[in-house]
Amino acid sequence: MDHAHIASAYDSIAERWLDARFDRDNGLRQHEHALRFLPPGEGGWALNVGCGCNTRFNALFRHAGLRIEGVDLSARMISLAREADPDVLLHHADICAWQPRRSYRFISAWDSIWHVGLAEQRPLMLKLMRALDTGGIFIFSAGGLDQEDAHVDSAMGPEVYYATLGIPGLLEVIAEAGCICRHLAFDQLPHKHLVMVVQRID
């Protein structure tokens, strides 16, 4: 899986997330639900993995008292996000190589880590979940299949790679990371769009 190709693809379509065709409510309800699992407390950080240029989750994070950090492979996405919300700490980086500099109360990877190659997804998810504070929450979306799979799709225009560990594989890596699944749902049936909310318990 070519990370440079993914970055180039999203550079070319970045503005799509800012125009009237994009549903700005996409993922908001799911993030509101996930934030309710946070244990009582104030402060801390939220990490948005594959943050893109649309800043719709930022108000939710701030309402929960969280400072915001974002990582994206697309330089254009990062540039647009920085213009939209200069107070967010943003990194133009490959999340597979990037190393967290702190721990997080909340991590979101909405419609992003499914572009990571199958061989890289498990170590990436372990890294992210181990970056959670104890009691911290991780929400992510994935392909809700019964087994791992990968394919290439051009529905958005440029050809883009997608992969999933499958539900059994996802549950295995969650347990390995010392976390527990608090919520699992197909939120866009008949599409196999899976949402999982995970909490670090160790």
N, C-alpha and C. Protein backbone atom coordinates (compact mmCIF):
# COMPACT_ATOMS: atom_id res chain seq x y z
N MET A 1 0.85 -1.18 0.00
CA MET A 1 0.00 0.00 0.00
C MET A 1 0.89 1.24 0.00
N ASP A 2 0.69 2.12 -0.96
CA ASP A 2 1.53 3.28 -1.17
C ASP A 2 0.96 4.49 -0.41
N HIS A 3 1.61 4.89 0.68
CA HIS A 3 1.13 6.01 1.47
C HIS A 3 1.17 7.31 0.67
N ALA A 4 2.19 7.46 -0.18
CA ALA A 4 2.29 8.68 -0.99
C ALA A 4 1.10 8.80 -1.94
N HIS A 5 0.63 7.68 -2.46
CA HIS A 5 -0.53 7.70 -3.35
C HIS A 5 -1.79 8.13 -2.58
N ILE A 6 -1.95 7.63 -1.35
CA ILE A 6 -3.10 8.03 -0.53
C ILE A 6 -3.05 9.54 -0.26
N ALA A 7 -1.86 10.04 0.10
CA ALA A 7 -1.71 11.47 0.38
C ALA A 7 -2.06 12.30 -0.85
N SER A 8 -1.57 11.89 -2.02
CA SER A 8 -1.84 12.62 -3.25
C SER A 8 -3.33 12.60 -3.58
N ALA A 9 -3.97 11.46 -3.36
CA ALA A 9 -5.40 11.34 -3.64
C ALA A 9 -6.20 12.32 -2.79
N TYR A 10 -5.89 12.39 -1.51
CA TYR A 10 -6.63 13.29 -0.63
C TYR A 10 -6.26 14.75 -0.84
N ASP A 11 -5.03 15.02 -1.24
CA ASP A 11 -4.68 16.39 -1.63
C ASP A 11 -5.59 16.88 -2.75
N SER A 12 -5.89 15.99 -3.69
CA SER A 12 -6.64 16.38 -4.89
C SER A 12 -8.13 16.59 -4.62
N ILE A 13 -8.65 16.03 -3.54
CA ILE A 13 -10.10 16.13 -3.28
C ILE A 13 -10.39 16.78 -1.93
N ALA A 14 -9.41 17.43 -1.32
CA ALA A 14 -9.57 17.95 0.04
C ALA A 14 -10.77 18.87 0.19
N GLU A 15 -10.97 19.76 -0.78
CA GLU A 15 -12.06 20.73 -0.66
C GLU A 15 -13.45 20.10 -0.64
N ARG A 16 -13.55 18.84 -1.02
CA ARG A 16 -14.85 18.17 -1.03
C ARG A 16 -15.47 18.16 0.36
N TRP A 17 -14.64 18.11 1.40
CA TRP A 17 -15.14 18.07 2.78
C TRP A 17 -15.58 19.45 3.28
N LEU A 18 -15.39 20.48 2.46
CA LEU A 18 -15.77 21.83 2.85
C LEU A 18 -16.96 22.37 2.07
N ASP A 19 -17.37 21.67 1.01
CA ASP A 19 -18.45 22.21 0.20
C ASP A 19 -19.81 21.69 0.67
N ALA A 20 -20.85 22.19 0.03
CA ALA A 20 -22.22 21.92 0.48
C ALA A 20 -22.63 20.46 0.30
N ARG A 21 -21.89 19.71 -0.50
CA ARG A 21 -22.26 18.30 -0.72
C ARG A 21 -21.93 17.42 0.49
N PHE A 22 -21.01 17.88 1.34
CA PHE A 22 -20.59 17.06 2.46
C PHE A 22 -21.57 17.21 3.63
N ASP A 23 -21.95 16.11 4.22
CA ASP A 23 -22.86 16.10 5.36
C ASP A 23 -22.06 16.43 6.62
N ARG A 24 -22.23 17.64 7.13
CA ARG A 24 -21.45 18.08 8.28
C ARG A 24 -21.88 17.38 9.57
N ASP A 25 -22.96 16.63 9.53
CA ASP A 25 -23.37 15.85 10.69
C ASP A 25 -22.72 14.46 10.71
N ASN A 26 -21.97 14.14 9.65
CA ASN A 26 -21.37 12.82 9.55
C ASN A 26 -20.47 12.54 10.74
N GLY A 27 -20.80 11.52 11.52
CA GLY A 27 -19.99 11.10 12.65
C GLY A 27 -20.24 11.85 13.94
N LEU A 28 -21.00 12.94 13.93
CA LEU A 28 -21.20 13.73 15.15
C LEU A 28 -21.94 12.93 16.22
N ARG A 29 -23.04 12.29 15.85
CA ARG A 29 -23.81 11.52 16.82
C ARG A 29 -22.96 10.42 17.45
N GLN A 30 -22.15 9.76 16.63
CA GLN A 30 -21.30 8.68 17.13
C GLN A 30 -20.24 9.21 18.09
N HIS A 31 -19.68 10.38 17.78
CA HIS A 31 -18.67 10.96 18.68
C HIS A 31 -19.31 11.45 19.98
N GLU A 32 -20.49 12.03 19.90
CA GLU A 32 -21.20 12.44 21.11
C GLU A 32 -21.43 11.24 22.03
N HIS A 33 -21.82 10.12 21.43
CA HIS A 33 -22.05 8.88 22.21
C HIS A 33 -20.75 8.40 22.84
N ALA A 34 -19.66 8.40 22.06
CA ALA A 34 -18.38 7.93 22.57
C ALA A 34 -17.88 8.78 23.73
N LEU A 35 -18.05 10.09 23.62
CA LEU A 35 -17.57 11.00 24.67
C LEU A 35 -18.29 10.76 26.00
N ARG A 36 -19.49 10.21 25.96
CA ARG A 36 -20.22 9.93 27.20
C ARG A 36 -19.55 8.82 28.02
N PHE A 37 -18.70 8.03 27.40
CA PHE A 37 -18.01 6.96 28.13
C PHE A 37 -16.78 7.48 28.89
N LEU A 38 -16.39 8.72 28.65
CA LEU A 38 -15.22 9.26 29.37
C LEU A 38 -15.50 9.30 30.86
N PRO A 39 -14.54 8.86 31.68
CA PRO A 39 -14.72 8.98 33.13
C PRO A 39 -14.69 10.44 33.55
N PRO A 40 -15.26 10.75 34.72
CA PRO A 40 -15.26 12.14 35.18
C PRO A 40 -13.84 12.69 35.27
N GLY A 41 -13.70 13.96 34.97
CA GLY A 41 -12.39 14.58 35.01
C GLY A 41 -12.34 15.76 34.06
N GLU A 42 -11.33 16.55 34.21
CA GLU A 42 -11.17 17.72 33.37
C GLU A 42 -9.80 17.72 32.73
N GLY A 43 -9.70 18.46 31.63
CA GLY A 43 -8.42 18.59 30.96
C GLY A 43 -8.10 17.37 30.12
N GLY A 44 -6.85 17.29 29.70
CA GLY A 44 -6.42 16.20 28.85
C GLY A 44 -6.50 16.56 27.38
N TRP A 45 -6.14 15.59 26.56
CA TRP A 45 -6.02 15.80 25.12
C TRP A 45 -6.89 14.84 24.34
N ALA A 46 -7.35 15.32 23.18
CA ALA A 46 -7.99 14.49 22.17
C ALA A 46 -7.07 14.43 20.95
N LEU A 47 -6.90 13.26 20.39
CA LEU A 47 -6.12 13.07 19.17
C LEU A 47 -7.06 12.67 18.04
N ASN A 48 -7.00 13.41 16.93
CA ASN A 48 -7.82 13.12 15.76
C ASN A 48 -6.90 12.56 14.67
N VAL A 49 -7.02 11.27 14.40
CA VAL A 49 -6.15 10.56 13.45
C VAL A 49 -6.79 10.62 12.07
N GLY A 50 -6.05 11.17 11.10
CA GLY A 50 -6.65 11.41 9.79
C GLY A 50 -7.66 12.53 9.93
N CYS A 51 -7.23 13.62 10.57
CA CYS A 51 -8.15 14.68 10.96
C CYS A 51 -8.82 15.37 9.78
N GLY A 52 -8.16 15.37 8.61
CA GLY A 52 -8.74 16.03 7.45
C GLY A 52 -8.84 17.53 7.65
N CYS A 53 -9.64 18.17 6.81
CA CYS A 53 -9.76 19.63 6.85
C CYS A 53 -11.06 20.09 7.47
N ASN A 54 -12.01 19.16 7.66
CA ASN A 54 -13.30 19.52 8.23
C ASN A 54 -13.19 19.44 9.75
N THR A 55 -13.46 20.55 10.42
CA THR A 55 -13.21 20.64 11.86
C THR A 55 -14.47 20.42 12.70
N ARG A 56 -15.43 19.64 12.18
CA ARG A 56 -16.73 19.54 12.84
C ARG A 56 -16.67 18.88 14.21
N PHE A 57 -15.66 18.05 14.50
CA PHE A 57 -15.59 17.39 15.81
C PHE A 57 -14.97 18.29 16.88
N ASN A 58 -14.32 19.37 16.47
CA ASN A 58 -13.54 20.16 17.42
C ASN A 58 -14.40 20.75 18.53
N ALA A 59 -15.59 21.21 18.21
CA ALA A 59 -16.47 21.79 19.22
C ALA A 59 -16.84 20.74 20.27
N LEU A 60 -17.06 19.51 19.84
CA LEU A 60 -17.37 18.44 20.79
C LEU A 60 -16.20 18.18 21.73
N PHE A 61 -15.00 18.14 21.18
CA PHE A 61 -13.82 17.91 22.01
C PHE A 61 -13.65 19.03 23.03
N ARG A 62 -13.80 20.25 22.58
CA ARG A 62 -13.62 21.39 23.49
C ARG A 62 -14.71 21.41 24.56
N HIS A 63 -15.92 21.06 24.18
CA HIS A 63 -17.02 21.02 25.17
C HIS A 63 -16.71 20.00 26.26
N ALA A 64 -15.97 18.95 25.91
CA ALA A 64 -15.56 17.94 26.89
C ALA A 64 -14.30 18.36 27.66
N GLY A 65 -13.82 19.57 27.41
CA GLY A 65 -12.66 20.08 28.12
C GLY A 65 -11.33 19.60 27.60
N LEU A 66 -11.31 19.14 26.36
CA LEU A 66 -10.10 18.54 25.79
C LEU A 66 -9.37 19.51 24.87
N ARG A 67 -8.05 19.51 24.95
CA ARG A 67 -7.23 20.18 23.95
C ARG A 67 -7.11 19.23 22.77
N ILE A 68 -6.86 19.78 21.58
CA ILE A 68 -6.97 18.98 20.35
C ILE A 68 -5.65 18.91 19.61
N GLU A 69 -5.33 17.70 19.19
CA GLU A 69 -4.16 17.43 18.34
C GLU A 69 -4.65 16.62 17.14
N GLY A 70 -4.10 16.91 15.95
CA GLY A 70 -4.52 16.19 14.76
C GLY A 70 -3.33 15.76 13.92
N VAL A 71 -3.50 14.65 13.23
CA VAL A 71 -2.47 14.11 12.33
C VAL A 71 -3.13 13.75 11.02
N ASP A 72 -2.51 14.14 9.91
CA ASP A 72 -3.03 13.75 8.60
C ASP A 72 -1.89 13.60 7.61
N LEU A 73 -2.05 12.64 6.70
CA LEU A 73 -1.06 12.35 5.67
C LEU A 73 -1.08 13.37 4.54
N SER A 74 -2.21 14.05 4.38
CA SER A 74 -2.39 15.00 3.28
C SER A 74 -1.96 16.40 3.68
N ALA A 75 -1.00 16.96 2.95
CA ALA A 75 -0.54 18.32 3.23
C ALA A 75 -1.67 19.33 3.00
N ARG A 76 -2.47 19.12 1.98
CA ARG A 76 -3.57 20.04 1.68
C ARG A 76 -4.61 20.01 2.80
N MET A 77 -4.93 18.82 3.30
CA MET A 77 -5.87 18.72 4.40
C MET A 77 -5.37 19.50 5.62
N ILE A 78 -4.10 19.33 5.95
CA ILE A 78 -3.53 20.01 7.11
C ILE A 78 -3.55 21.52 6.92
N SER A 79 -3.23 21.98 5.73
CA SER A 79 -3.23 23.42 5.44
C SER A 79 -4.62 24.01 5.64
N LEU A 80 -5.64 23.35 5.11
CA LEU A 80 -7.01 23.83 5.24
C LEU A 80 -7.49 23.76 6.69
N ALA A 81 -7.11 22.71 7.40
CA ALA A 81 -7.51 22.57 8.80
C ALA A 81 -6.87 23.66 9.64
N ARG A 82 -5.62 23.98 9.36
CA ARG A 82 -4.93 25.03 10.11
C ARG A 82 -5.59 26.40 9.88
N GLU A 83 -6.03 26.66 8.66
CA GLU A 83 -6.74 27.90 8.37
C GLU A 83 -8.07 27.97 9.12
N ALA A 84 -8.75 26.83 9.19
CA ALA A 84 -10.08 26.80 9.80
C ALA A 84 -10.04 26.91 11.32
N ASP A 85 -8.99 26.34 11.94
CA ASP A 85 -8.92 26.32 13.41
C ASP A 85 -7.46 26.38 13.84
N PRO A 86 -6.89 27.57 13.93
CA PRO A 86 -5.45 27.71 14.22
C PRO A 86 -5.05 27.23 15.61
N ASP A 87 -6.01 27.02 16.53
CA ASP A 87 -5.68 26.64 17.89
C ASP A 87 -5.43 25.14 18.05
N VAL A 88 -5.64 24.37 16.99
CA VAL A 88 -5.38 22.92 17.05
C VAL A 88 -3.91 22.66 16.72
N LEU A 89 -3.30 21.75 17.49
CA LEU A 89 -1.93 21.33 17.23
C LEU A 89 -1.97 20.28 16.12
N LEU A 90 -1.45 20.61 14.94
CA LEU A 90 -1.56 19.75 13.77
C LEU A 90 -0.20 19.25 13.31
N HIS A 91 -0.20 18.01 12.81
CA HIS A 91 1.02 17.38 12.30
C HIS A 91 0.75 16.84 10.90
N HIS A 92 1.54 17.24 9.93
CA HIS A 92 1.51 16.62 8.62
C HIS A 92 2.44 15.43 8.68
N ALA A 93 1.88 14.24 8.85
CA ALA A 93 2.70 13.05 9.11
C ALA A 93 1.93 11.79 8.75
N ASP A 94 2.68 10.72 8.54
CA ASP A 94 2.13 9.38 8.36
C ASP A 94 1.90 8.80 9.75
N ILE A 95 0.67 8.51 10.09
CA ILE A 95 0.34 8.04 11.43
C ILE A 95 1.06 6.75 11.78
N CYS A 96 1.43 5.95 10.78
CA CYS A 96 2.14 4.70 11.06
C CYS A 96 3.56 4.96 11.58
N ALA A 97 4.17 6.05 11.14
CA ALA A 97 5.52 6.39 11.57
C ALA A 97 5.52 7.38 12.72
N TRP A 98 4.48 8.19 12.83
CA TRP A 98 4.40 9.23 13.84
C TRP A 98 4.28 8.62 15.23
N GLN A 99 4.99 9.22 16.20
CA GLN A 99 4.94 8.73 17.57
C GLN A 99 4.28 9.74 18.49
N PRO A 100 3.26 9.32 19.24
CA PRO A 100 2.61 10.25 20.18
C PRO A 100 3.61 10.79 21.19
N ARG A 101 3.46 12.06 21.52
CA ARG A 101 4.34 12.72 22.49
C ARG A 101 3.70 12.82 23.87
N ARG A 102 2.49 12.33 23.99
CA ARG A 102 1.76 12.42 25.25
C ARG A 102 0.72 11.31 25.25
N SER A 103 -0.03 11.20 26.34
CA SER A 103 -1.17 10.29 26.38
C SER A 103 -2.45 11.09 26.16
N TYR A 104 -3.53 10.38 25.85
CA TYR A 104 -4.77 11.03 25.44
C TYR A 104 -5.97 10.47 26.20
N ARG A 105 -6.90 11.36 26.53
CA ARG A 105 -8.16 10.91 27.12
C ARG A 105 -9.11 10.41 26.05
N PHE A 106 -8.92 10.89 24.81
CA PHE A 106 -9.85 10.53 23.73
C PHE A 106 -9.09 10.50 22.42
N ILE A 107 -9.31 9.44 21.64
CA ILE A 107 -8.70 9.33 20.31
C ILE A 107 -9.81 8.98 19.32
N SER A 108 -9.81 9.70 18.20
CA SER A 108 -10.75 9.43 17.11
C SER A 108 -9.97 9.06 15.86
N ALA A 109 -10.43 8.02 15.19
CA ALA A 109 -9.90 7.66 13.87
C ALA A 109 -11.11 7.37 12.98
N TRP A 110 -11.76 8.43 12.55
CA TRP A 110 -13.02 8.32 11.81
C TRP A 110 -12.73 8.23 10.31
N ASP A 111 -13.08 7.10 9.72
CA ASP A 111 -12.92 6.88 8.27
C ASP A 111 -11.48 7.16 7.82
N SER A 112 -10.51 6.72 8.59
CA SER A 112 -9.11 7.03 8.26
C SER A 112 -8.19 5.81 8.27
N ILE A 113 -8.19 5.03 9.35
CA ILE A 113 -7.19 3.96 9.43
C ILE A 113 -7.52 2.80 8.49
N TRP A 114 -8.69 2.83 7.87
CA TRP A 114 -8.95 1.77 6.89
C TRP A 114 -8.13 1.96 5.61
N HIS A 115 -7.42 3.08 5.47
CA HIS A 115 -6.50 3.26 4.35
C HIS A 115 -5.11 2.71 4.65
N VAL A 116 -4.89 2.22 5.85
CA VAL A 116 -3.60 1.66 6.26
C VAL A 116 -3.55 0.19 5.84
N GLY A 117 -2.39 -0.24 5.35
CA GLY A 117 -2.24 -1.62 4.90
C GLY A 117 -2.52 -2.63 6.00
N LEU A 118 -3.00 -3.80 5.61
CA LEU A 118 -3.36 -4.82 6.59
C LEU A 118 -2.21 -5.14 7.54
N ALA A 119 -1.00 -5.27 7.01
CA ALA A 119 0.14 -5.62 7.84
C ALA A 119 0.47 -4.53 8.86
N GLU A 120 0.04 -3.28 8.58
CA GLU A 120 0.35 -2.15 9.46
C GLU A 120 -0.79 -1.82 10.42
N GLN A 121 -1.98 -2.34 10.15
CA GLN A 121 -3.13 -1.93 10.97
C GLN A 121 -3.03 -2.39 12.41
N ARG A 122 -2.63 -3.63 12.61
CA ARG A 122 -2.55 -4.14 13.99
C ARG A 122 -1.56 -3.34 14.84
N PRO A 123 -0.29 -3.17 14.38
CA PRO A 123 0.63 -2.37 15.20
C PRO A 123 0.18 -0.92 15.38
N LEU A 124 -0.48 -0.35 14.37
CA LEU A 124 -0.98 1.01 14.52
C LEU A 124 -2.05 1.09 15.59
N MET A 125 -2.99 0.17 15.56
CA MET A 125 -4.07 0.20 16.55
C MET A 125 -3.54 -0.03 17.96
N LEU A 126 -2.55 -0.92 18.09
CA LEU A 126 -1.93 -1.14 19.39
C LEU A 126 -1.27 0.15 19.88
N LYS A 127 -0.56 0.83 18.99
CA LYS A 127 0.10 2.08 19.36
C LYS A 127 -0.91 3.11 19.84
N LEU A 128 -2.02 3.25 19.11
CA LEU A 128 -3.01 4.25 19.48
C LEU A 128 -3.69 3.90 20.81
N MET A 129 -4.08 2.67 20.97
CA MET A 129 -4.78 2.30 22.21
C MET A 129 -3.85 2.37 23.41
N ARG A 130 -2.58 2.07 23.22
CA ARG A 130 -1.62 2.17 24.33
C ARG A 130 -1.26 3.62 24.64
N ALA A 131 -1.65 4.55 23.74
CA ALA A 131 -1.45 5.97 24.01
C ALA A 131 -2.61 6.57 24.80
N LEU A 132 -3.64 5.78 25.08
CA LEU A 132 -4.77 6.26 25.87
C LEU A 132 -4.41 6.31 27.35
N ASP A 133 -4.92 7.33 28.04
CA ASP A 133 -4.91 7.30 29.50
C ASP A 133 -5.76 6.12 29.96
N THR A 134 -5.51 5.64 31.17
CA THR A 134 -6.41 4.64 31.74
C THR A 134 -7.81 5.23 31.83
N GLY A 135 -8.78 4.52 31.28
CA GLY A 135 -10.14 5.03 31.19
C GLY A 135 -10.42 5.81 29.93
N GLY A 136 -9.37 6.07 29.13
CA GLY A 136 -9.52 6.83 27.91
C GLY A 136 -10.32 6.09 26.86
N ILE A 137 -10.86 6.84 25.91
CA ILE A 137 -11.78 6.31 24.90
C ILE A 137 -11.18 6.45 23.50
N PHE A 138 -11.38 5.41 22.70
CA PHE A 138 -10.95 5.38 21.29
C PHE A 138 -12.17 5.05 20.45
N ILE A 139 -12.55 5.95 19.54
CA ILE A 139 -13.60 5.66 18.57
C ILE A 139 -12.98 5.56 17.19
N PHE A 140 -13.38 4.54 16.44
CA PHE A 140 -12.89 4.40 15.08
C PHE A 140 -13.95 3.73 14.22
N SER A 141 -13.82 3.91 12.93
CA SER A 141 -14.68 3.23 11.98
C SER A 141 -13.85 2.25 11.18
N ALA A 142 -14.51 1.20 10.70
CA ALA A 142 -13.80 0.13 9.98
C ALA A 142 -14.79 -0.58 9.07
N GLY A 143 -14.26 -1.39 8.20
CA GLY A 143 -15.11 -2.26 7.40
C GLY A 143 -15.61 -3.41 8.26
N GLY A 144 -16.93 -3.54 8.37
CA GLY A 144 -17.52 -4.52 9.27
C GLY A 144 -17.69 -5.88 8.62
N LEU A 145 -16.58 -6.51 8.32
CA LEU A 145 -16.61 -7.84 7.69
C LEU A 145 -16.31 -8.93 8.71
N ASP A 146 -16.60 -10.16 8.33
CA ASP A 146 -16.37 -11.29 9.23
C ASP A 146 -14.92 -11.75 9.21
N GLN A 147 -14.14 -11.27 8.27
CA GLN A 147 -12.72 -11.63 8.19
C GLN A 147 -11.96 -10.48 7.55
N GLU A 148 -10.64 -10.52 7.64
CA GLU A 148 -9.84 -9.44 7.08
C GLU A 148 -9.98 -9.40 5.56
N ASP A 149 -9.82 -8.20 5.01
CA ASP A 149 -9.98 -8.03 3.57
C ASP A 149 -9.34 -6.71 3.17
N ALA A 150 -8.97 -6.61 1.90
CA ALA A 150 -8.43 -5.37 1.34
C ALA A 150 -8.89 -5.25 -0.11
N HIS A 151 -9.11 -4.01 -0.53
CA HIS A 151 -9.49 -3.78 -1.92
C HIS A 151 -9.17 -2.34 -2.30
N VAL A 152 -9.28 -2.02 -3.58
CA VAL A 152 -9.07 -0.67 -4.09
C VAL A 152 -10.40 -0.17 -4.65
N ASP A 153 -10.71 1.09 -4.37
CA ASP A 153 -12.00 1.66 -4.77
C ASP A 153 -11.78 3.07 -5.30
N SER A 154 -12.54 3.45 -6.33
CA SER A 154 -12.41 4.80 -6.89
C SER A 154 -13.73 5.57 -6.79
N ALA A 155 -14.56 5.22 -5.81
CA ALA A 155 -15.86 5.86 -5.67
C ALA A 155 -15.75 7.36 -5.43
N MET A 156 -14.68 7.81 -4.78
CA MET A 156 -14.51 9.24 -4.50
C MET A 156 -13.82 9.98 -5.63
N GLY A 157 -13.37 9.25 -6.65
CA GLY A 157 -12.64 9.84 -7.76
C GLY A 157 -11.31 9.15 -7.95
N PRO A 158 -10.29 9.54 -7.19
CA PRO A 158 -9.00 8.85 -7.30
C PRO A 158 -9.08 7.45 -6.69
N GLU A 159 -8.27 6.57 -7.19
CA GLU A 159 -8.23 5.20 -6.70
C GLU A 159 -7.58 5.18 -5.32
N VAL A 160 -8.28 4.57 -4.34
CA VAL A 160 -7.82 4.57 -2.95
C VAL A 160 -7.94 3.15 -2.38
N TYR A 161 -6.97 2.81 -1.56
CA TYR A 161 -6.90 1.49 -0.91
C TYR A 161 -7.70 1.49 0.39
N TYR A 162 -8.40 0.37 0.64
CA TYR A 162 -9.14 0.16 1.88
C TYR A 162 -8.81 -1.23 2.42
N ALA A 163 -8.75 -1.35 3.74
CA ALA A 163 -8.52 -2.66 4.35
C ALA A 163 -9.19 -2.72 5.72
N THR A 164 -9.52 -3.91 6.15
CA THR A 164 -10.06 -4.12 7.49
C THR A 164 -9.52 -5.42 8.07
N LEU A 165 -9.33 -5.44 9.37
CA LEU A 165 -8.95 -6.67 10.06
C LEU A 165 -10.13 -7.60 10.24
N GLY A 166 -11.34 -7.11 9.99
CA GLY A 166 -12.55 -7.88 10.24
C GLY A 166 -12.90 -7.84 11.72
N ILE A 167 -14.16 -8.09 12.03
CA ILE A 167 -14.62 -7.95 13.42
C ILE A 167 -13.85 -8.84 14.38
N PRO A 168 -13.63 -10.13 14.10
CA PRO A 168 -12.85 -10.94 15.04
C PRO A 168 -11.44 -10.40 15.25
N GLY A 169 -10.78 -9.97 14.19
CA GLY A 169 -9.43 -9.43 14.31
C GLY A 169 -9.40 -8.14 15.10
N LEU A 170 -10.40 -7.28 14.91
CA LEU A 170 -10.48 -6.04 15.67
C LEU A 170 -10.67 -6.31 17.16
N LEU A 171 -11.54 -7.24 17.49
CA LEU A 171 -11.75 -7.57 18.90
C LEU A 171 -10.50 -8.17 19.53
N GLU A 172 -9.74 -8.93 18.76
CA GLU A 172 -8.49 -9.50 19.28
C GLU A 172 -7.48 -8.42 19.62
N VAL A 173 -7.28 -7.46 18.72
CA VAL A 173 -6.28 -6.43 18.95
C VAL A 173 -6.73 -5.49 20.08
N ILE A 174 -8.01 -5.28 20.23
CA ILE A 174 -8.53 -4.48 21.34
C ILE A 174 -8.18 -5.14 22.67
N ALA A 175 -8.39 -6.43 22.78
CA ALA A 175 -8.06 -7.15 24.01
C ALA A 175 -6.56 -7.15 24.26
N GLU A 176 -5.77 -7.33 23.20
CA GLU A 176 -4.32 -7.34 23.34
C GLU A 176 -3.80 -6.00 23.87
N ALA A 177 -4.47 -4.92 23.55
CA ALA A 177 -4.05 -3.58 23.97
C ALA A 177 -4.48 -3.25 25.39
N GLY A 178 -5.16 -4.16 26.07
CA GLY A 178 -5.64 -3.88 27.41
C GLY A 178 -6.88 -3.01 27.42
N CYS A 179 -7.69 -3.16 26.38
CA CYS A 179 -8.91 -2.36 26.25
C CYS A 179 -10.12 -3.27 26.16
N ILE A 180 -11.29 -2.66 26.22
CA ILE A 180 -12.54 -3.39 26.10
C ILE A 180 -13.46 -2.63 25.14
N CYS A 181 -14.23 -3.39 24.36
CA CYS A 181 -15.18 -2.77 23.44
C CYS A 181 -16.44 -2.38 24.22
N ARG A 182 -16.75 -1.08 24.21
CA ARG A 182 -17.94 -0.57 24.90
C ARG A 182 -19.14 -0.44 23.97
N HIS A 183 -18.88 -0.36 22.66
CA HIS A 183 -19.98 -0.15 21.71
C HIS A 183 -19.52 -0.62 20.34
N LEU A 184 -20.37 -1.36 19.67
CA LEU A 184 -20.11 -1.84 18.31
C LEU A 184 -21.42 -1.72 17.55
N ALA A 185 -21.39 -1.04 16.40
CA ALA A 185 -22.63 -0.84 15.66
C ALA A 185 -22.36 -0.67 14.17
N PHE A 186 -23.27 -1.20 13.37
CA PHE A 186 -23.34 -0.88 11.94
C PHE A 186 -24.25 0.34 11.83
N ASP A 187 -23.67 1.50 11.55
CA ASP A 187 -24.44 2.73 11.61
C ASP A 187 -24.93 3.23 10.25
N GLN A 188 -24.58 2.51 9.16
CA GLN A 188 -24.97 2.97 7.83
C GLN A 188 -25.50 1.82 6.98
N LEU A 189 -26.23 0.90 7.61
CA LEU A 189 -26.76 -0.24 6.86
C LEU A 189 -27.61 0.25 5.68
N PRO A 190 -27.52 -0.44 4.51
CA PRO A 190 -26.90 -1.75 4.29
C PRO A 190 -25.38 -1.73 4.09
N HIS A 191 -24.75 -0.56 4.16
CA HIS A 191 -23.29 -0.51 4.03
C HIS A 191 -22.65 -1.11 5.27
N LYS A 192 -21.52 -1.76 5.09
CA LYS A 192 -20.81 -2.43 6.19
C LYS A 192 -19.89 -1.44 6.91
N HIS A 193 -20.43 -0.30 7.27
CA HIS A 193 -19.67 0.73 7.98
C HIS A 193 -19.80 0.47 9.48
N LEU A 194 -18.70 0.06 10.08
CA LEU A 194 -18.69 -0.36 11.48
C LEU A 194 -18.10 0.74 12.35
N VAL A 195 -18.76 1.02 13.47
CA VAL A 195 -18.24 1.96 14.47
C VAL A 195 -17.96 1.19 15.75
N MET A 196 -16.78 1.41 16.31
CA MET A 196 -16.43 0.78 17.58
C MET A 196 -15.95 1.85 18.55
N VAL A 197 -16.40 1.73 19.78
CA VAL A 197 -15.96 2.59 20.88
C VAL A 197 -15.25 1.70 21.89
N VAL A 198 -14.02 2.04 22.18
CA VAL A 198 -13.13 1.20 22.98
C VAL A 198 -12.64 2.00 24.18
N GLN A 199 -12.50 1.34 25.32
CA GLN A 199 -11.99 1.99 26.53
C GLN A 199 -10.79 1.24 27.07
N ARG A 200 -9.75 2.00 27.44
CA ARG A 200 -8.57 1.37 28.05
C ARG A 200 -8.88 1.10 29.51
N ILE A 201 -8.66 -0.14 29.96
CA ILE A 201 -9.06 -0.53 31.31
C ILE A 201 -7.87 -0.88 32.19
N ASP A 202 -6.66 -0.99 31.63
CA ASP A 202 -5.52 -1.36 32.49
C ASP A 202 -4.70 -0.13 32.87
